[in-house]
Amino acid sequence: KASATGAVSGYQIKYRPSSGKWKTVKVSGKKLNKTIKNLKKDKTYQVKIRSYYTYRGKKLYSSWGKTKKVKLK
């Protein structure tokens, strides 16, 4: 779950297990809750997010947020 920013067209979420490759999920619109499926229990994941805005057909991206560690139960 993320907190809202100004006018955005959507968000990108990157996640990975502690020692794996980054995977990206796109969230369209202003929806700030996203459930990522197929994650394994008792593992720690790293997650970061950025927003984008569509202007004249081009996407303008913000910088990536700080990486957060999330432990699944």
PDB file of N, CA and C in Angstrom:
ATOM      1  N   LYS A   1       0.853  -1.169   0.000  1.00  0.00           N
ATOM      2  CA  LYS A   1       0.000   0.000   0.000  1.00  0.00           C
ATOM      3  C   LYS A   1       0.897   1.230   0.000  1.00  0.00           C
ATOM      4  N   ALA A   2       0.554   2.213  -0.814  1.00  0.00           N
ATOM      5  CA  ALA A   2       1.357   3.437  -0.919  1.00  0.00           C
ATOM      6  C   ALA A   2       0.476   4.639  -0.636  1.00  0.00           C
ATOM      7  N   SER A   3       1.083   5.756  -0.305  1.00  0.00           N
ATOM      8  CA  SER A   3       0.325   6.984  -0.094  1.00  0.00           C
ATOM      9  C   SER A   3       0.248   7.754  -1.404  1.00  0.00           C
ATOM     10  N   ALA A   4      -0.803   8.516  -1.569  1.00  0.00           N
ATOM     11  CA  ALA A   4      -1.066   9.213  -2.825  1.00  0.00           C
ATOM     12  C   ALA A   4      -0.092  10.362  -3.057  1.00  0.00           C
ATOM     13  N   THR A   5       0.214  10.575  -4.338  1.00  0.00           N
ATOM     14  CA  THR A   5       0.986  11.746  -4.740  1.00  0.00           C
ATOM     15  C   THR A   5       0.065  12.609  -5.589  1.00  0.00           C
ATOM     16  N   GLY A   6       0.571  13.625  -6.229  1.00  0.00           N
ATOM     17  CA  GLY A   6      -0.242  14.534  -7.040  1.00  0.00           C
ATOM     18  C   GLY A   6      -0.914  13.833  -8.213  1.00  0.00           C
ATOM     19  N   ALA A   7      -1.055  14.528  -9.321  1.00  0.00           N
ATOM     20  CA  ALA A   7      -1.711  13.977 -10.500  1.00  0.00           C
ATOM     21  C   ALA A   7      -0.812  12.918 -11.150  1.00  0.00           C
ATOM     22  N   VAL A   8      -1.254  11.670 -11.136  1.00  0.00           N
ATOM     23  CA  VAL A   8      -0.491  10.577 -11.732  1.00  0.00           C
ATOM     24  C   VAL A   8      -1.399   9.759 -12.630  1.00  0.00           C
ATOM     25  N   SER A   9      -0.784   9.048 -13.579  1.00  0.00           N
ATOM     26  CA  SER A   9      -1.529   8.141 -14.448  1.00  0.00           C
ATOM     27  C   SER A   9      -1.449   6.716 -13.932  1.00  0.00           C
ATOM     28  N   GLY A  10      -0.427   6.420 -13.146  1.00  0.00           N
ATOM     29  CA  GLY A  10      -0.283   5.075 -12.608  1.00  0.00           C
ATOM     30  C   GLY A  10       1.016   4.923 -11.838  1.00  0.00           C
ATOM     31  N   TYR A  11       1.289   3.673 -11.455  1.00  0.00           N
ATOM     32  CA  TYR A  11       2.470   3.372 -10.660  1.00  0.00           C
ATOM     33  C   TYR A  11       3.161   2.136 -11.203  1.00  0.00           C
ATOM     34  N   GLN A  12       4.431   2.000 -10.911  1.00  0.00           N
ATOM     35  CA  GLN A  12       5.181   0.778 -11.169  1.00  0.00           C
ATOM     36  C   GLN A  12       5.710   0.293  -9.830  1.00  0.00           C
ATOM     37  N   ILE A  13       5.592  -1.009  -9.600  1.00  0.00           N
ATOM     38  CA  ILE A  13       6.089  -1.614  -8.376  1.00  0.00           C
ATOM     39  C   ILE A  13       7.133  -2.639  -8.768  1.00  0.00           C
ATOM     40  N   LYS A  14       8.300  -2.568  -8.144  1.00  0.00           N
ATOM     41  CA  LYS A  14       9.350  -3.561  -8.360  1.00  0.00           C
ATOM     42  C   LYS A  14       9.503  -4.352  -7.077  1.00  0.00           C
ATOM     43  N   TYR A  15       9.673  -5.664  -7.214  1.00  0.00           N
ATOM     44  CA  TYR A  15       9.883  -6.501  -6.039  1.00  0.00           C
ATOM     45  C   TYR A  15      10.826  -7.635  -6.391  1.00  0.00           C
ATOM     46  N   ARG A  16      11.485  -8.174  -5.366  1.00  0.00           N
ATOM     47  CA  ARG A  16      12.368  -9.311  -5.560  1.00  0.00           C
ATOM     48  C   ARG A  16      12.619  -9.975  -4.212  1.00  0.00           C
ATOM     49  N   PRO A  17      12.922 -11.272  -4.250  1.00  0.00           N
ATOM     50  CA  PRO A  17      13.401 -11.898  -3.016  1.00  0.00           C
ATOM     51  C   PRO A  17      14.778 -11.317  -2.706  1.00  0.00           C
ATOM     52  N   SER A  18      15.250 -11.505  -1.514  1.00  0.00           N
ATOM     53  CA  SER A  18      16.507 -10.874  -1.079  1.00  0.00           C
ATOM     54  C   SER A  18      17.669 -11.102  -2.034  1.00  0.00           C
ATOM     55  N   SER A  19      17.694 -12.226  -2.724  1.00  0.00           N
ATOM     56  CA  SER A  19      18.821 -12.505  -3.629  1.00  0.00           C
ATOM     57  C   SER A  19      18.330 -12.929  -5.002  1.00  0.00           C
ATOM     58  N   GLY A  20      17.424 -12.162  -5.580  1.00  0.00           N
ATOM     59  CA  GLY A  20      16.876 -12.529  -6.884  1.00  0.00           C
ATOM     60  C   GLY A  20      16.824 -11.352  -7.834  1.00  0.00           C
ATOM     61  N   LYS A  21      16.163 -11.555  -8.968  1.00  0.00           N
ATOM     62  CA  LYS A  21      16.021 -10.497  -9.974  1.00  0.00           C
ATOM     63  C   LYS A  21      14.765  -9.687  -9.696  1.00  0.00           C
ATOM     64  N   TRP A  22      14.818  -8.414 -10.079  1.00  0.00           N
ATOM     65  CA  TRP A  22      13.665  -7.536  -9.917  1.00  0.00           C
ATOM     66  C   TRP A  22      12.565  -7.933 -10.904  1.00  0.00           C
ATOM     67  N   LYS A  23      11.325  -7.915 -10.454  1.00  0.00           N
ATOM     68  CA  LYS A  23      10.153  -8.097 -11.307  1.00  0.00           C
ATOM     69  C   LYS A  23       9.306  -6.845 -11.161  1.00  0.00           C
ATOM     70  N   THR A  24       8.688  -6.411 -12.264  1.00  0.00           N
ATOM     71  CA  THR A  24       7.934  -5.162 -12.268  1.00  0.00           C
ATOM     72  C   THR A  24       6.455  -5.432 -12.506  1.00  0.00           C
ATOM     73  N   VAL A  25       5.617  -4.741 -11.746  1.00  0.00           N
ATOM     74  CA  VAL A  25       4.161  -4.809 -11.889  1.00  0.00           C
ATOM     75  C   VAL A  25       3.666  -3.395 -12.148  1.00  0.00           C
ATOM     76  N   LYS A  26       2.798  -3.231 -13.138  1.00  0.00           N
ATOM     77  CA  LYS A  26       2.250  -1.922 -13.461  1.00  0.00           C
ATOM     78  C   LYS A  26       0.852  -1.805 -12.857  1.00  0.00           C
ATOM     79  N   VAL A  27       0.563  -0.660 -12.241  1.00  0.00           N
ATOM     80  CA  VAL A  27      -0.744  -0.383 -11.663  1.00  0.00           C
ATOM     81  C   VAL A  27      -1.279   0.860 -12.344  1.00  0.00           C
ATOM     82  N   SER A  28      -2.359   0.725 -13.104  1.00  0.00           N
ATOM     83  CA  SER A  28      -2.925   1.865 -13.819  1.00  0.00           C
ATOM     84  C   SER A  28      -3.883   2.632 -12.924  1.00  0.00           C
ATOM     85  N   GLY A  29      -4.029   3.894 -13.195  1.00  0.00           N
ATOM     86  CA  GLY A  29      -4.959   4.726 -12.445  1.00  0.00           C
ATOM     87  C   GLY A  29      -4.416   5.116 -11.092  1.00  0.00           C
ATOM     88  N   LYS A  30      -5.296   5.575 -10.232  1.00  0.00           N
ATOM     89  CA  LYS A  30      -4.876   6.074  -8.926  1.00  0.00           C
ATOM     90  C   LYS A  30      -5.058   5.032  -7.831  1.00  0.00           C
ATOM     91  N   LYS A  31      -5.241   3.790  -8.207  1.00  0.00           N
ATOM     92  CA  LYS A  31      -5.418   2.724  -7.225  1.00  0.00           C
ATOM     93  C   LYS A  31      -4.092   2.491  -6.499  1.00  0.00           C
ATOM     94  N   LEU A  32      -4.110   2.575  -5.181  1.00  0.00           N
ATOM     95  CA  LEU A  32      -2.875   2.487  -4.417  1.00  0.00           C
ATOM     96  C   LEU A  32      -2.684   1.143  -3.726  1.00  0.00           C
ATOM     97  N   ASN A  33      -3.673   0.260  -3.782  1.00  0.00           N
ATOM     98  CA  ASN A  33      -3.525  -1.065  -3.197  1.00  0.00           C
ATOM     99  C   ASN A  33      -3.305  -2.072  -4.308  1.00  0.00           C
ATOM    100  N   LYS A  34      -2.305  -2.909  -4.166  1.00  0.00           N
ATOM    101  CA  LYS A  34      -2.022  -3.940  -5.162  1.00  0.00           C
ATOM    102  C   LYS A  34      -1.577  -5.199  -4.444  1.00  0.00           C
ATOM    103  N   THR A  35      -2.213  -6.315  -4.733  1.00  0.00           N
ATOM    104  CA  THR A  35      -1.825  -7.597  -4.168  1.00  0.00           C
ATOM    105  C   THR A  35      -1.006  -8.337  -5.201  1.00  0.00           C
ATOM    106  N   ILE A  36       0.189  -8.716  -4.819  1.00  0.00           N
ATOM    107  CA  ILE A  36       1.072  -9.471  -5.705  1.00  0.00           C
ATOM    108  C   ILE A  36       0.963 -10.930  -5.301  1.00  0.00           C
ATOM    109  N   LYS A  37       0.566 -11.765  -6.247  1.00  0.00           N
ATOM    110  CA  LYS A  37       0.336 -13.176  -5.948  1.00  0.00           C
ATOM    111  C   LYS A  37       1.587 -14.005  -6.211  1.00  0.00           C
ATOM    112  N   ASN A  38       1.549 -15.244  -5.827  1.00  0.00           N
ATOM    113  CA  ASN A  38       2.622 -16.224  -6.033  1.00  0.00           C
ATOM    114  C   ASN A  38       3.901 -15.892  -5.275  1.00  0.00           C
ATOM    115  N   LEU A  39       3.777 -15.238  -4.129  1.00  0.00           N
ATOM    116  CA  LEU A  39       4.927 -15.005  -3.268  1.00  0.00           C
ATOM    117  C   LEU A  39       4.973 -16.116  -2.226  1.00  0.00           C
ATOM    118  N   LYS A  40       6.161 -16.462  -1.772  1.00  0.00           N
ATOM    119  CA  LYS A  40       6.330 -17.581  -0.854  1.00  0.00           C
ATOM    120  C   LYS A  40       6.327 -17.107   0.594  1.00  0.00           C
ATOM    121  N   LYS A  41       5.731 -17.925   1.462  1.00  0.00           N
ATOM    122  CA  LYS A  41       5.679 -17.617   2.891  1.00  0.00           C
ATOM    123  C   LYS A  41       7.074 -17.694   3.502  1.00  0.00           C
ATOM    124  N   ASP A  42       7.230 -16.989   4.604  1.00  0.00           N
ATOM    125  CA  ASP A  42       8.472 -16.980   5.384  1.00  0.00           C
ATOM    126  C   ASP A  42       9.694 -16.524   4.587  1.00  0.00           C
ATOM    127  N   LYS A  43       9.484 -15.691   3.590  1.00  0.00           N
ATOM    128  CA  LYS A  43      10.595 -15.115   2.830  1.00  0.00           C
ATOM    129  C   LYS A  43      10.552 -13.605   2.977  1.00  0.00           C
ATOM    130  N   THR A  44      11.703 -12.988   2.805  1.00  0.00           N
ATOM    131  CA  THR A  44      11.794 -11.532   2.845  1.00  0.00           C
ATOM    132  C   THR A  44      11.926 -11.010   1.420  1.00  0.00           C
ATOM    133  N   TYR A  45      11.118 -10.022   1.082  1.00  0.00           N
ATOM    134  CA  TYR A  45      11.132  -9.417  -0.249  1.00  0.00           C
ATOM    135  C   TYR A  45      11.524  -7.949  -0.130  1.00  0.00           C
ATOM    136  N   GLN A  46      12.149  -7.434  -1.181  1.00  0.00           N
ATOM    137  CA  GLN A  46      12.450  -6.019  -1.279  1.00  0.00           C
ATOM    138  C   GLN A  46      11.469  -5.411  -2.276  1.00  0.00           C
ATOM    139  N   VAL A  47      10.915  -4.258  -1.917  1.00  0.00           N
ATOM    140  CA  VAL A  47       9.881  -3.621  -2.738  1.00  0.00           C
ATOM    141  C   VAL A  47      10.202  -2.141  -2.876  1.00  0.00           C
ATOM    142  N   LYS A  48       9.997  -1.610  -4.093  1.00  0.00           N
ATOM    143  CA  LYS A  48      10.095  -0.165  -4.305  1.00  0.00           C
ATOM    144  C   LYS A  48       9.059   0.247  -5.338  1.00  0.00           C
ATOM    145  N   ILE A  49       8.723   1.528  -5.348  1.00  0.00           N
ATOM    146  CA  ILE A  49       7.623   2.011  -6.181  1.00  0.00           C
ATOM    147  C   ILE A  49       8.006   3.361  -6.796  1.00  0.00           C
ATOM    148  N   ARG A  50       7.423   3.645  -7.975  1.00  0.00           N
ATOM    149  CA  ARG A  50       7.549   4.969  -8.584  1.00  0.00           C
ATOM    150  C   ARG A  50       6.257   5.274  -9.327  1.00  0.00           C
ATOM    151  N   SER A  51       5.985   6.535  -9.521  1.00  0.00           N
ATOM    152  CA  SER A  51       4.780   6.952 -10.226  1.00  0.00           C
ATOM    153  C   SER A  51       5.144   7.417 -11.633  1.00  0.00           C
ATOM    154  N   TYR A  52       4.129   7.452 -12.489  1.00  0.00           N
ATOM    155  CA  TYR A  52       4.347   8.014 -13.822  1.00  0.00           C
ATOM    156  C   TYR A  52       3.133   8.822 -14.240  1.00  0.00           C
ATOM    157  N   TYR A  53       3.372   9.742 -15.133  1.00  0.00           N
ATOM    158  CA  TYR A  53       2.346  10.636 -15.643  1.00  0.00           C
ATOM    159  C   TYR A  53       2.435  10.625 -17.160  1.00  0.00           C
ATOM    160  N   THR A  54       1.325  10.479 -17.840  1.00  0.00           N
ATOM    161  CA  THR A  54       1.314  10.476 -19.293  1.00  0.00           C
ATOM    162  C   THR A  54       1.046  11.900 -19.786  1.00  0.00           C
ATOM    163  N   TYR A  55       1.990  12.419 -20.571  1.00  0.00           N
ATOM    164  CA  TYR A  55       1.886  13.774 -21.102  1.00  0.00           C
ATOM    165  C   TYR A  55       2.160  13.732 -22.594  1.00  0.00           C
ATOM    166  N   ARG A  56       1.169  14.074 -23.382  1.00  0.00           N
ATOM    167  CA  ARG A  56       1.267  14.064 -24.847  1.00  0.00           C
ATOM    168  C   ARG A  56       1.755  12.720 -25.375  1.00  0.00           C
ATOM    169  N   GLY A  57       1.232  11.645 -24.805  1.00  0.00           N
ATOM    170  CA  GLY A  57       1.551  10.305 -25.283  1.00  0.00           C
ATOM    171  C   GLY A  57       2.848   9.720 -24.760  1.00  0.00           C
ATOM    172  N   LYS A  58       3.590  10.467 -23.967  1.00  0.00           N
ATOM    173  CA  LYS A  58       4.838   9.961 -23.406  1.00  0.00           C
ATOM    174  C   LYS A  58       4.694   9.830 -21.894  1.00  0.00           C
ATOM    175  N   LYS A  59       5.332   8.815 -21.345  1.00  0.00           N
ATOM    176  CA  LYS A  59       5.287   8.601 -19.907  1.00  0.00           C
ATOM    177  C   LYS A  59       6.485   9.278 -19.252  1.00  0.00           C
ATOM    178  N   LEU A  60       6.201  10.077 -18.262  1.00  0.00           N
ATOM    179  CA  LEU A  60       7.234  10.745 -17.484  1.00  0.00           C
ATOM    180  C   LEU A  60       7.277  10.066 -16.120  1.00  0.00           C
ATOM    181  N   TYR A  61       8.438   9.516 -15.770  1.00  0.00           N
ATOM    182  CA  TYR A  61       8.568   8.729 -14.548  1.00  0.00           C
ATOM    183  C   TYR A  61       9.243   9.525 -13.442  1.00  0.00           C
ATOM    184  N   SER A  62       8.805   9.262 -12.219  1.00  0.00           N
ATOM    185  CA  SER A  62       9.505   9.810 -11.058  1.00  0.00           C
ATOM    186  C   SER A  62      10.684   8.895 -10.750  1.00  0.00           C
ATOM    187  N   SER A  63      11.494   9.277  -9.802  1.00  0.00           N
ATOM    188  CA  SER A  63      12.581   8.385  -9.398  1.00  0.00           C
ATOM    189  C   SER A  63      12.000   7.284  -8.510  1.00  0.00           C
ATOM    190  N   TRP A  64      12.727   6.178  -8.385  1.00  0.00           N
ATOM    191  CA  TRP A  64      12.283   5.076  -7.553  1.00  0.00           C
ATOM    192  C   TRP A  64      12.338   5.495  -6.091  1.00  0.00           C
ATOM    193  N   GLY A  65      11.359   5.049  -5.326  1.00  0.00           N
ATOM    194  CA  GLY A  65      11.343   5.298  -3.890  1.00  0.00           C
ATOM    195  C   GLY A  65      12.380   4.434  -3.194  1.00  0.00           C
ATOM    196  N   LYS A  66      12.545   4.642  -1.906  1.00  0.00           N
ATOM    197  CA  LYS A  66      13.491   3.843  -1.137  1.00  0.00           C
ATOM    198  C   LYS A  66      13.024   2.394  -1.095  1.00  0.00           C
ATOM    199  N   THR A  67      13.977   1.487  -1.080  1.00  0.00           N
ATOM    200  CA  THR A  67      13.668   0.065  -1.020  1.00  0.00           C
ATOM    201  C   THR A  67      13.239  -0.298   0.390  1.00  0.00           C
ATOM    202  N   LYS A  68      12.114  -1.025   0.494  1.00  0.00           N
ATOM    203  CA  LYS A  68      11.594  -1.480   1.786  1.00  0.00           C
ATOM    204  C   LYS A  68      11.696  -2.992   1.827  1.00  0.00           C
ATOM    205  N   LYS A  69      12.019  -3.527   2.989  1.00  0.00           N
ATOM    206  CA  LYS A  69      12.033  -4.966   3.177  1.00  0.00           C
ATOM    207  C   LYS A  69      10.706  -5.389   3.789  1.00  0.00           C
ATOM    208  N   VAL A  70      10.114  -6.444   3.214  1.00  0.00           N
ATOM    209  CA  VAL A  70       8.830  -6.946   3.679  1.00  0.00           C
ATOM    210  C   VAL A  70       8.969  -8.424   3.977  1.00  0.00           C
ATOM    211  N   LYS A  71       8.623  -8.817   5.186  1.00  0.00           N
ATOM    212  CA  LYS A  71       8.692 -10.222   5.601  1.00  0.00           C
ATOM    213  C   LYS A  71       7.279 -10.791   5.531  1.00  0.00           C
ATOM    214  N   LEU A  72       7.086 -11.855   4.739  1.00  0.00           N
ATOM    215  CA  LEU A  72       5.771 -12.479   4.616  1.00  0.00           C
ATOM    216  C   LEU A  72       5.554 -13.458   5.755  1.00  0.00           C
ATOM    217  N   LYS A  73       4.318 -13.552   6.217  1.00  0.00           N
ATOM    218  CA  LYS A  73       3.995 -14.463   7.314  1.00  0.00           C
ATOM    219  C   LYS A  73       3.324 -15.708   6.790  1.00  0.00           C
TER     220      LYS A  73
END
